Structures are given as C-alpha cells and as structure tokens.
Amino acid sequence: RQISLSDELLAAIAQEAQRKTGATATAYGAG
C-alpha cells in the first residue's frame, strides 16, 4: 500500500510538472 501510494504521488507530481513546463519536442520524420 505504501509503495502504491508513493508511485501514485510521484506520477501525479510528474504529470503536474509536465503540464506546467509544457516540455515537448517536435521532430520531422523521414517522410
């Protein structure tokens, strides 16, 4: 239960950090 709670908390923190930073990369493919 503690490991699951920690995983959920870290996932929520990472998701919020991703949302706030908006860190995305754009790439062109060969086609």
All heavy atoms as atom14 arrays in JSON, in Angstrom:
{
  "sequence": "RQISLSDELLAAIAQEAQRKTGATATAYGAG",
  "atom14_mask": [
    [1, 1, 1, 1, 1, 1, 1, 1, 1, 1, 1, 0, 0, 0],
    [1, 1, 1, 1, 1, 1, 1, 1, 1, 0, 0, 0, 0, 0],
    [1, 1, 1, 1, 1, 1, 1, 1, 0, 0, 0, 0, 0, 0],
    [1, 1, 1, 1, 1, 1, 0, 0, 0, 0, 0, 0, 0, 0],
    [1, 1, 1, 1, 1, 1, 1, 1, 0, 0, 0, 0, 0, 0],
    [1, 1, 1, 1, 1, 1, 0, 0, 0, 0, 0, 0, 0, 0],
    [1, 1, 1, 1, 1, 1, 1, 1, 0, 0, 0, 0, 0, 0],
    [1, 1, 1, 1, 1, 1, 1, 1, 1, 0, 0, 0, 0, 0],
    [1, 1, 1, 1, 1, 1, 1, 1, 0, 0, 0, 0, 0, 0],
    [1, 1, 1, 1, 1, 1, 1, 1, 0, 0, 0, 0, 0, 0],
    [1, 1, 1, 1, 1, 0, 0, 0, 0, 0, 0, 0, 0, 0],
    [1, 1, 1, 1, 1, 0, 0, 0, 0, 0, 0, 0, 0, 0],
    [1, 1, 1, 1, 1, 1, 1, 1, 0, 0, 0, 0, 0, 0],
    [1, 1, 1, 1, 1, 0, 0, 0, 0, 0, 0, 0, 0, 0],
    [1, 1, 1, 1, 1, 1, 1, 1, 1, 0, 0, 0, 0, 0],
    [1, 1, 1, 1, 1, 1, 1, 1, 1, 0, 0, 0, 0, 0],
    [1, 1, 1, 1, 1, 0, 0, 0, 0, 0, 0, 0, 0, 0],
    [1, 1, 1, 1, 1, 1, 1, 1, 1, 0, 0, 0, 0, 0],
    [1, 1, 1, 1, 1, 1, 1, 1, 1, 1, 1, 0, 0, 0],
    [1, 1, 1, 1, 1, 1, 1, 1, 1, 0, 0, 0, 0, 0],
    [1, 1, 1, 1, 1, 1, 1, 0, 0, 0, 0, 0, 0, 0],
    [1, 1, 1, 1, 0, 0, 0, 0, 0, 0, 0, 0, 0, 0],
    [1, 1, 1, 1, 1, 0, 0, 0, 0, 0, 0, 0, 0, 0],
    [1, 1, 1, 1, 1, 1, 1, 0, 0, 0, 0, 0, 0, 0],
    [1, 1, 1, 1, 1, 0, 0, 0, 0, 0, 0, 0, 0, 0],
    [1, 1, 1, 1, 1, 1, 1, 0, 0, 0, 0, 0, 0, 0],
    [1, 1, 1, 1, 1, 0, 0, 0, 0, 0, 0, 0, 0, 0],
    [1, 1, 1, 1, 1, 1, 1, 1, 1, 1, 1, 1, 0, 0],
    [1, 1, 1, 1, 0, 0, 0, 0, 0, 0, 0, 0, 0, 0],
    [1, 1, 1, 1, 1, 0, 0, 0, 0, 0, 0, 0, 0, 0],
    [1, 1, 1, 1, 0, 0, 0, 0, 0, 0, 0, 0, 0, 0]
  ],
  "atom14_positions": [
    [[0.83, -1.2, 0.0], [0.0, 0.0, 0.0], [0.87, 1.26, 0.0], [0.61, 2.21, -0.74], [-0.92, 0.0, 1.22], [-1.88, 1.18, 1.25], [-2.81, 1.06, 2.44], [-2.06, 0.91, 3.67], [-1.97, 1.84, 4.61], [-2.61, 2.97, 4.48], [-1.26, 1.63, 5.69], [0.0, 0.0, 0.0], [0.0, 0.0, 0.0], [0.0, 0.0, 0.0]],
    [[1.93, 1.27, 0.79], [2.83, 2.43, 0.84], [3.53, 2.64, -0.5], [3.67, 3.78, -0.97], [3.87, 2.25, 1.95], [3.32, 2.35, 3.33], [2.82, 3.75, 3.66], [3.34, 4.74, 3.18], [1.79, 3.82, 4.47], [0.0, 0.0, 0.0], [0.0, 0.0, 0.0], [0.0, 0.0, 0.0], [0.0, 0.0, 0.0], [0.0, 0.0, 0.0]],
    [[3.97, 1.56, -1.12], [4.64, 1.67, -2.42], [3.66, 2.19, -3.47], [4.0, 3.05, -4.28], [5.23, 0.31, -2.83], [6.43, -0.01, -1.93], [5.65, 0.3, -4.29], [6.93, -1.43, -2.05], [0.0, 0.0, 0.0], [0.0, 0.0, 0.0], [0.0, 0.0, 0.0], [0.0, 0.0, 0.0], [0.0, 0.0, 0.0], [0.0, 0.0, 0.0]],
    [[2.43, 1.68, -3.45], [1.42, 2.14, -4.39], [1.12, 3.62, -4.2], [1.02, 4.38, -5.19], [0.14, 1.32, -4.21], [-0.88, 1.79, -5.05], [0.0, 0.0, 0.0], [0.0, 0.0, 0.0], [0.0, 0.0, 0.0], [0.0, 0.0, 0.0], [0.0, 0.0, 0.0], [0.0, 0.0, 0.0], [0.0, 0.0, 0.0], [0.0, 0.0, 0.0]],
    [[0.98, 4.05, -2.95], [0.73, 5.47, -2.68], [1.89, 6.33, -3.15], [1.68, 7.4, -3.74], [0.48, 5.7, -1.19], [-0.83, 5.19, -0.63], [-0.85, 5.3, 0.89], [-2.01, 5.94, -1.23], [0.0, 0.0, 0.0], [0.0, 0.0, 0.0], [0.0, 0.0, 0.0], [0.0, 0.0, 0.0], [0.0, 0.0, 0.0], [0.0, 0.0, 0.0]],
    [[3.1, 5.87, -2.92], [4.28, 6.62, -3.37], [4.32, 6.72, -4.89], [4.62, 7.79, -5.44], [5.56, 5.96, -2.86], [5.62, 6.0, -1.47], [0.0, 0.0, 0.0], [0.0, 0.0, 0.0], [0.0, 0.0, 0.0], [0.0, 0.0, 0.0], [0.0, 0.0, 0.0], [0.0, 0.0, 0.0], [0.0, 0.0, 0.0], [0.0, 0.0, 0.0]],
    [[4.03, 5.61, -5.57], [4.01, 5.62, -7.03], [2.96, 6.58, -7.56], [3.21, 7.34, -8.5], [3.73, 4.21, -7.57], [4.92, 3.28, -7.42], [6.03, 3.77, -7.13], [4.72, 2.06, -7.59], [0.0, 0.0, 0.0], [0.0, 0.0, 0.0], [0.0, 0.0, 0.0], [0.0, 0.0, 0.0], [0.0, 0.0, 0.0], [0.0, 0.0, 0.0]],
    [[1.77, 6.55, -6.96], [0.7, 7.44, -7.4], [1.07, 8.91, -7.16], [0.82, 9.76, -8.01], [-0.6, 7.11, -6.68], [-1.22, 5.79, -7.1], [-2.42, 5.42, -6.26], [-2.94, 6.28, -5.51], [-2.85, 4.25, -6.35], [0.0, 0.0, 0.0], [0.0, 0.0, 0.0], [0.0, 0.0, 0.0], [0.0, 0.0, 0.0], [0.0, 0.0, 0.0]],
    [[1.66, 9.18, -6.01], [2.06, 10.55, -5.69], [3.13, 11.05, -6.67], [3.03, 12.16, -7.19], [2.58, 10.63, -4.25], [3.04, 12.0, -3.77], [1.89, 13.0, -3.82], [3.6, 11.9, -2.36], [0.0, 0.0, 0.0], [0.0, 0.0, 0.0], [0.0, 0.0, 0.0], [0.0, 0.0, 0.0], [0.0, 0.0, 0.0], [0.0, 0.0, 0.0]],
    [[4.13, 10.23, -6.93], [5.18, 10.63, -7.87], [4.63, 10.81, -9.28], [5.04, 11.73, -10.01], [6.32, 9.62, -7.86], [7.19, 9.63, -6.61], [8.2, 8.49, -6.65], [7.89, 10.96, -6.45], [0.0, 0.0, 0.0], [0.0, 0.0, 0.0], [0.0, 0.0, 0.0], [0.0, 0.0, 0.0], [0.0, 0.0, 0.0], [0.0, 0.0, 0.0]],
    [[3.71, 9.95, -9.69], [3.11, 10.09, -11.02], [2.32, 11.39, -11.11], [2.37, 12.1, -12.13], [2.22, 8.9, -11.33], [0.0, 0.0, 0.0], [0.0, 0.0, 0.0], [0.0, 0.0, 0.0], [0.0, 0.0, 0.0], [0.0, 0.0, 0.0], [0.0, 0.0, 0.0], [0.0, 0.0, 0.0], [0.0, 0.0, 0.0], [0.0, 0.0, 0.0]],
    [[1.58, 11.73, -10.06], [0.81, 12.99, -10.06], [1.73, 14.2, -10.09], [1.46, 15.18, -10.8], [-0.09, 13.04, -8.82], [0.0, 0.0, 0.0], [0.0, 0.0, 0.0], [0.0, 0.0, 0.0], [0.0, 0.0, 0.0], [0.0, 0.0, 0.0], [0.0, 0.0, 0.0], [0.0, 0.0, 0.0], [0.0, 0.0, 0.0], [0.0, 0.0, 0.0]],
    [[2.84, 14.14, -9.36], [3.8, 15.24, -9.36], [4.42, 15.39, -10.74], [4.54, 16.51, -11.27], [4.89, 15.01, -8.28], [4.27, 15.16, -6.89], [6.05, 15.98, -8.46], [5.18, 14.71, -5.76], [0.0, 0.0, 0.0], [0.0, 0.0, 0.0], [0.0, 0.0, 0.0], [0.0, 0.0, 0.0], [0.0, 0.0, 0.0], [0.0, 0.0, 0.0]],
    [[4.81, 14.28, -11.34], [5.41, 14.34, -12.68], [4.41, 14.87, -13.71], [4.78, 15.66, -14.59], [5.9, 12.95, -13.08], [0.0, 0.0, 0.0], [0.0, 0.0, 0.0], [0.0, 0.0, 0.0], [0.0, 0.0, 0.0], [0.0, 0.0, 0.0], [0.0, 0.0, 0.0], [0.0, 0.0, 0.0], [0.0, 0.0, 0.0], [0.0, 0.0, 0.0]],
    [[3.17, 14.44, -13.61], [2.15, 14.91, -14.54], [1.93, 16.41, -14.4], [1.82, 17.13, -15.39], [0.84, 14.16, -14.31], [-0.25, 14.53, -15.31], [-1.51, 13.72, -15.07], [-1.67, 13.07, -14.03], [-2.42, 13.76, -16.02], [0.0, 0.0, 0.0], [0.0, 0.0, 0.0], [0.0, 0.0, 0.0], [0.0, 0.0, 0.0], [0.0, 0.0, 0.0]],
    [[1.89, 16.9, -13.17], [1.7, 18.33, -12.94], [2.92, 19.12, -13.42], [2.78, 20.19, -14.03], [1.43, 18.6, -11.46], [1.18, 20.05, -11.13], [-0.05, 20.65, -11.79], [-0.91, 19.9, -12.32], [-0.18, 21.89, -11.78], [0.0, 0.0, 0.0], [0.0, 0.0, 0.0], [0.0, 0.0, 0.0], [0.0, 0.0, 0.0], [0.0, 0.0, 0.0]],
    [[4.11, 18.6, -13.18], [5.32, 19.27, -13.67], [5.32, 19.31, -15.18], [5.69, 20.33, -15.8], [6.56, 18.57, -13.14], [0.0, 0.0, 0.0], [0.0, 0.0, 0.0], [0.0, 0.0, 0.0], [0.0, 0.0, 0.0], [0.0, 0.0, 0.0], [0.0, 0.0, 0.0], [0.0, 0.0, 0.0], [0.0, 0.0, 0.0], [0.0, 0.0, 0.0]],
    [[4.9, 18.23, -15.82], [4.83, 18.19, -17.28], [3.82, 19.21, -17.78], [4.06, 19.93, -18.75], [4.43, 16.78, -17.74], [4.21, 16.65, -19.24], [5.49, 16.87, -20.01], [6.55, 16.44, -19.59], [5.41, 17.55, -21.13], [0.0, 0.0, 0.0], [0.0, 0.0, 0.0], [0.0, 0.0, 0.0], [0.0, 0.0, 0.0], [0.0, 0.0, 0.0]],
    [[2.68, 19.31, -17.12], [1.65, 20.26, -17.52], [2.15, 21.69, -17.39], [1.96, 22.51, -18.28], [0.39, 20.06, -16.67], [-0.81, 20.89, -17.13], [-1.96, 20.79, -16.15], [-1.7, 21.42, -14.88], [-1.73, 22.75, -14.68], [-1.97, 23.57, -15.68], [-1.51, 23.25, -13.48], [0.0, 0.0, 0.0], [0.0, 0.0, 0.0], [0.0, 0.0, 0.0]],
    [[2.83, 21.98, -16.28], [3.3, 23.34, -16.04], [4.45, 23.75, -16.96], [4.53, 24.89, -17.38], [3.7, 23.52, -14.59], [2.52, 23.62, -13.67], [2.94, 24.14, -12.33], [1.71, 24.38, -11.5], [1.58, 25.72, -11.06], [0.0, 0.0, 0.0], [0.0, 0.0, 0.0], [0.0, 0.0, 0.0], [0.0, 0.0, 0.0], [0.0, 0.0, 0.0]],
    [[5.35, 22.81, -17.22], [6.51, 23.17, -18.05], [6.19, 23.09, -19.53], [6.81, 23.79, -20.33], [7.71, 22.24, -17.77], [7.35, 20.9, -18.08], [8.18, 22.36, -16.33], [0.0, 0.0, 0.0], [0.0, 0.0, 0.0], [0.0, 0.0, 0.0], [0.0, 0.0, 0.0], [0.0, 0.0, 0.0], [0.0, 0.0, 0.0], [0.0, 0.0, 0.0]],
    [[5.25, 22.24, -19.88], [4.89, 22.1, -21.29], [6.06, 21.62, -22.12], [6.18, 21.97, -23.3], [0.0, 0.0, 0.0], [0.0, 0.0, 0.0], [0.0, 0.0, 0.0], [0.0, 0.0, 0.0], [0.0, 0.0, 0.0], [0.0, 0.0, 0.0], [0.0, 0.0, 0.0], [0.0, 0.0, 0.0], [0.0, 0.0, 0.0], [0.0, 0.0, 0.0]],
    [[6.95, 20.86, -21.54], [8.14, 20.4, -22.24], [7.78, 19.36, -23.29], [7.48, 18.22, -22.98], [9.13, 19.83, -21.23], [0.0, 0.0, 0.0], [0.0, 0.0, 0.0], [0.0, 0.0, 0.0], [0.0, 0.0, 0.0], [0.0, 0.0, 0.0], [0.0, 0.0, 0.0], [0.0, 0.0, 0.0], [0.0, 0.0, 0.0], [0.0, 0.0, 0.0]],
    [[7.78, 19.78, -24.52], [7.55, 18.86, -25.64], [8.63, 19.1, -26.68], [9.24, 20.17, -26.75], [6.17, 19.07, -26.29], [6.07, 20.41, -26.76], [5.05, 18.77, -25.32], [0.0, 0.0, 0.0], [0.0, 0.0, 0.0], [0.0, 0.0, 0.0], [0.0, 0.0, 0.0], [0.0, 0.0, 0.0], [0.0, 0.0, 0.0], [0.0, 0.0, 0.0]],
    [[8.85, 18.11, -27.49], [9.81, 18.24, -28.59], [9.08, 17.89, -29.88], [8.23, 17.0, -29.91], [10.99, 17.31, -28.37], [0.0, 0.0, 0.0], [0.0, 0.0, 0.0], [0.0, 0.0, 0.0], [0.0, 0.0, 0.0], [0.0, 0.0, 0.0], [0.0, 0.0, 0.0], [0.0, 0.0, 0.0], [0.0, 0.0, 0.0], [0.0, 0.0, 0.0]],
    [[9.39, 18.62, -30.92], [8.78, 18.37, -32.22], [9.86, 17.87, -33.16], [10.97, 18.4, -33.18], [8.16, 19.66, -32.78], [7.23, 20.15, -31.81], [7.43, 19.4, -34.07], [0.0, 0.0, 0.0], [0.0, 0.0, 0.0], [0.0, 0.0, 0.0], [0.0, 0.0, 0.0], [0.0, 0.0, 0.0], [0.0, 0.0, 0.0], [0.0, 0.0, 0.0]],
    [[9.53, 16.85, -33.92], [10.52, 16.28, -34.85], [9.84, 15.97, -36.18], [8.63, 15.73, -36.24], [11.12, 15.02, -34.24], [0.0, 0.0, 0.0], [0.0, 0.0, 0.0], [0.0, 0.0, 0.0], [0.0, 0.0, 0.0], [0.0, 0.0, 0.0], [0.0, 0.0, 0.0], [0.0, 0.0, 0.0], [0.0, 0.0, 0.0], [0.0, 0.0, 0.0]],
    [[10.66, 16.02, -37.23], [10.2, 15.63, -38.55], [10.67, 14.22, -38.83], [11.81, 13.87, -38.55], [10.79, 16.57, -39.62], [10.17, 17.93, -39.62], [10.78, 18.99, -38.98], [8.96, 18.15, -40.27], [10.22, 20.25, -38.98], [8.38, 19.41, -40.27], [9.02, 20.45, -39.63], [8.45, 21.69, -39.63], [0.0, 0.0, 0.0], [0.0, 0.0, 0.0]],
    [[9.8, 13.44, -39.41], [10.16, 12.09, -39.81], [10.72, 12.08, -41.21], [10.75, 13.1, -41.91], [0.0, 0.0, 0.0], [0.0, 0.0, 0.0], [0.0, 0.0, 0.0], [0.0, 0.0, 0.0], [0.0, 0.0, 0.0], [0.0, 0.0, 0.0], [0.0, 0.0, 0.0], [0.0, 0.0, 0.0], [0.0, 0.0, 0.0], [0.0, 0.0, 0.0]],
    [[11.19, 10.92, -41.65], [11.8, 10.78, -42.97], [10.8, 11.11, -44.08], [11.18, 11.62, -45.12], [12.32, 9.36, -43.15], [0.0, 0.0, 0.0], [0.0, 0.0, 0.0], [0.0, 0.0, 0.0], [0.0, 0.0, 0.0], [0.0, 0.0, 0.0], [0.0, 0.0, 0.0], [0.0, 0.0, 0.0], [0.0, 0.0, 0.0], [0.0, 0.0, 0.0]],
    [[9.53, 10.85, -43.85], [8.52, 11.12, -44.87], [7.96, 12.54, -44.78], [6.99, 12.87, -45.46], [0.0, 0.0, 0.0], [0.0, 0.0, 0.0], [0.0, 0.0, 0.0], [0.0, 0.0, 0.0], [0.0, 0.0, 0.0], [0.0, 0.0, 0.0], [0.0, 0.0, 0.0], [0.0, 0.0, 0.0], [0.0, 0.0, 0.0], [0.0, 0.0, 0.0]]
  ]
}
